[in-house]
Amino acid sequence: MMRFPPAHRRTGGLIRFWLAGLAIAAGLFWIGRTMPAARGLMVPGYWILGALALFFTVRWYRPRRGDRRRGDRRDQ
């Protein structure tokens, strides 16, 4: 049976990032609701936030190679 690549990784960092992203999105939504004149400026903020979320999710999901892991160790 083939293992799913990120099955043995910790998900805490990814979950914290997604929760922070949702909090920032809620803040942007609140600013857009309280200041209707700034509503048009919120759209690029949503796009940037979505692009960051996609980038960090793909980066977390990408399988690691053994040579990269060896380079990350500080004791050598």
C-alpha atoms as a PDB file:
ATOM      1  CA  MET A   1       0.000   0.000   0.000  1.00  0.00           C
ATOM      2  CA  MET A   2       1.376   3.395  -0.972  1.00  0.00           C
ATOM      3  CA  ARG A   3       1.518   6.023   1.748  1.00  0.00           C
ATOM      4  CA  PHE A   4       0.164   9.487   1.272  1.00  0.00           C
ATOM      5  CA  PRO A   5       3.223  11.829   1.323  1.00  0.00           C
ATOM      6  CA  PRO A   6       2.167  14.258   4.078  1.00  0.00           C
ATOM      7  CA  ALA A   7       0.514  11.574   6.231  1.00  0.00           C
ATOM      8  CA  HIS A   8       3.309  11.592   8.777  1.00  0.00           C
ATOM      9  CA  ARG A   9       3.851  15.353   8.972  1.00  0.00           C
ATOM     10  CA  ARG A  10       2.622  17.664  11.649  1.00  0.00           C
ATOM     11  CA  THR A  11      -0.348  19.723  10.563  1.00  0.00           C
ATOM     12  CA  GLY A  12      -0.201  22.312  13.346  1.00  0.00           C
ATOM     13  CA  GLY A  13       1.674  24.910  11.314  1.00  0.00           C
ATOM     14  CA  LEU A  14      -0.663  24.594   8.357  1.00  0.00           C
ATOM     15  CA  ILE A  15      -3.768  24.788  10.536  1.00  0.00           C
ATOM     16  CA  ARG A  16      -2.412  27.850  12.383  1.00  0.00           C
ATOM     17  CA  PHE A  17      -1.688  29.536   9.060  1.00  0.00           C
ATOM     18  CA  TRP A  18      -5.192  28.826   7.759  1.00  0.00           C
ATOM     19  CA  LEU A  19      -6.748  30.123  10.985  1.00  0.00           C
ATOM     20  CA  ALA A  20      -4.647  33.284  10.800  1.00  0.00           C
ATOM     21  CA  GLY A  21      -5.643  33.688   7.145  1.00  0.00           C
ATOM     22  CA  LEU A  22      -9.314  33.344   8.034  1.00  0.00           C
ATOM     23  CA  ALA A  23      -8.900  35.931  10.799  1.00  0.00           C
ATOM     24  CA  ILE A  24      -7.234  38.352   8.363  1.00  0.00           C
ATOM     25  CA  ALA A  25      -9.978  37.720   5.797  1.00  0.00           C
ATOM     26  CA  ALA A  26     -12.613  38.407   8.474  1.00  0.00           C
ATOM     27  CA  GLY A  27     -10.790  41.637   9.334  1.00  0.00           C
ATOM     28  CA  LEU A  28     -10.750  42.681   5.692  1.00  0.00           C
ATOM     29  CA  PHE A  29     -14.451  41.870   5.412  1.00  0.00           C
ATOM     30  CA  TRP A  30     -15.200  43.914   8.540  1.00  0.00           C
ATOM     31  CA  ILE A  31     -13.219  46.884   7.194  1.00  0.00           C
ATOM     32  CA  GLY A  32     -15.124  46.612   3.914  1.00  0.00           C
ATOM     33  CA  ARG A  33     -18.456  46.568   5.739  1.00  0.00           C
ATOM     34  CA  THR A  34     -17.694  49.508   8.015  1.00  0.00           C
ATOM     35  CA  MET A  35     -16.069  51.655   5.326  1.00  0.00           C
ATOM     36  CA  PRO A  36     -17.936  51.137   2.025  1.00  0.00           C
ATOM     37  CA  ALA A  37     -15.539  53.482   0.226  1.00  0.00           C
ATOM     38  CA  ALA A  38     -12.662  51.054   0.901  1.00  0.00           C
ATOM     39  CA  ARG A  39     -14.570  48.016  -0.351  1.00  0.00           C
ATOM     40  CA  GLY A  40     -12.909  48.192  -3.766  1.00  0.00           C
ATOM     41  CA  LEU A  41      -9.484  48.157  -2.162  1.00  0.00           C
ATOM     42  CA  MET A  42     -10.232  44.905  -0.334  1.00  0.00           C
ATOM     43  CA  VAL A  43     -10.341  42.770  -3.502  1.00  0.00           C
ATOM     44  CA  PRO A  44      -6.547  42.794  -4.055  1.00  0.00           C
ATOM     45  CA  GLY A  45      -6.128  41.930  -0.367  1.00  0.00           C
ATOM     46  CA  TYR A  46      -8.296  38.849  -0.810  1.00  0.00           C
ATOM     47  CA  TRP A  47      -6.297  37.824  -3.903  1.00  0.00           C
ATOM     48  CA  ILE A  48      -2.974  38.241  -2.095  1.00  0.00           C
ATOM     49  CA  LEU A  49      -4.257  36.311   0.906  1.00  0.00           C
ATOM     50  CA  GLY A  50      -5.557  33.516  -1.338  1.00  0.00           C
ATOM     51  CA  ALA A  51      -2.257  33.322  -3.236  1.00  0.00           C
ATOM     52  CA  LEU A  52      -0.313  33.087   0.030  1.00  0.00           C
ATOM     53  CA  ALA A  53      -2.632  30.376   1.308  1.00  0.00           C
ATOM     54  CA  LEU A  54      -2.215  28.384  -1.898  1.00  0.00           C
ATOM     55  CA  PHE A  55       1.576  28.817  -1.895  1.00  0.00           C
ATOM     56  CA  PHE A  56       2.066  27.716   1.715  1.00  0.00           C
ATOM     57  CA  THR A  57      -0.378  24.821   1.380  1.00  0.00           C
ATOM     58  CA  VAL A  58       1.426  23.492  -1.704  1.00  0.00           C
ATOM     59  CA  ARG A  59       4.777  24.028   0.006  1.00  0.00           C
ATOM     60  CA  TRP A  60       3.608  22.038   3.029  1.00  0.00           C
ATOM     61  CA  TYR A  61       2.090  19.292   0.873  1.00  0.00           C
ATOM     62  CA  ARG A  62       5.106  18.832  -1.415  1.00  0.00           C
ATOM     63  CA  PRO A  63       6.981  15.629  -0.579  1.00  0.00           C
ATOM     64  CA  ARG A  64      10.484  16.072   0.769  1.00  0.00           C
ATOM     65  CA  ARG A  65      13.500  14.389  -0.713  1.00  0.00           C
ATOM     66  CA  GLY A  66      16.201  12.744   1.369  1.00  0.00           C
ATOM     67  CA  ASP A  67      18.999  15.058   0.191  1.00  0.00           C
ATOM     68  CA  ARG A  68      17.024  18.108   1.276  1.00  0.00           C
ATOM     69  CA  ARG A  69      16.498  16.600   4.702  1.00  0.00           C
ATOM     70  CA  ARG A  70      20.228  16.012   5.166  1.00  0.00           C
ATOM     71  CA  GLY A  71      20.963  19.651   4.367  1.00  0.00           C
ATOM     72  CA  ASP A  72      18.495  20.845   7.002  1.00  0.00           C
ATOM     73  CA  ARG A  73      20.361  19.184   9.878  1.00  0.00           C
ATOM     74  CA  ARG A  74      22.558  21.464  11.958  1.00  0.00           C
ATOM     75  CA  ASP A  75      24.564  18.827  13.830  1.00  0.00           C
ATOM     76  CA  GLN A  76      26.653  17.874  10.787  1.00  0.00           C
END
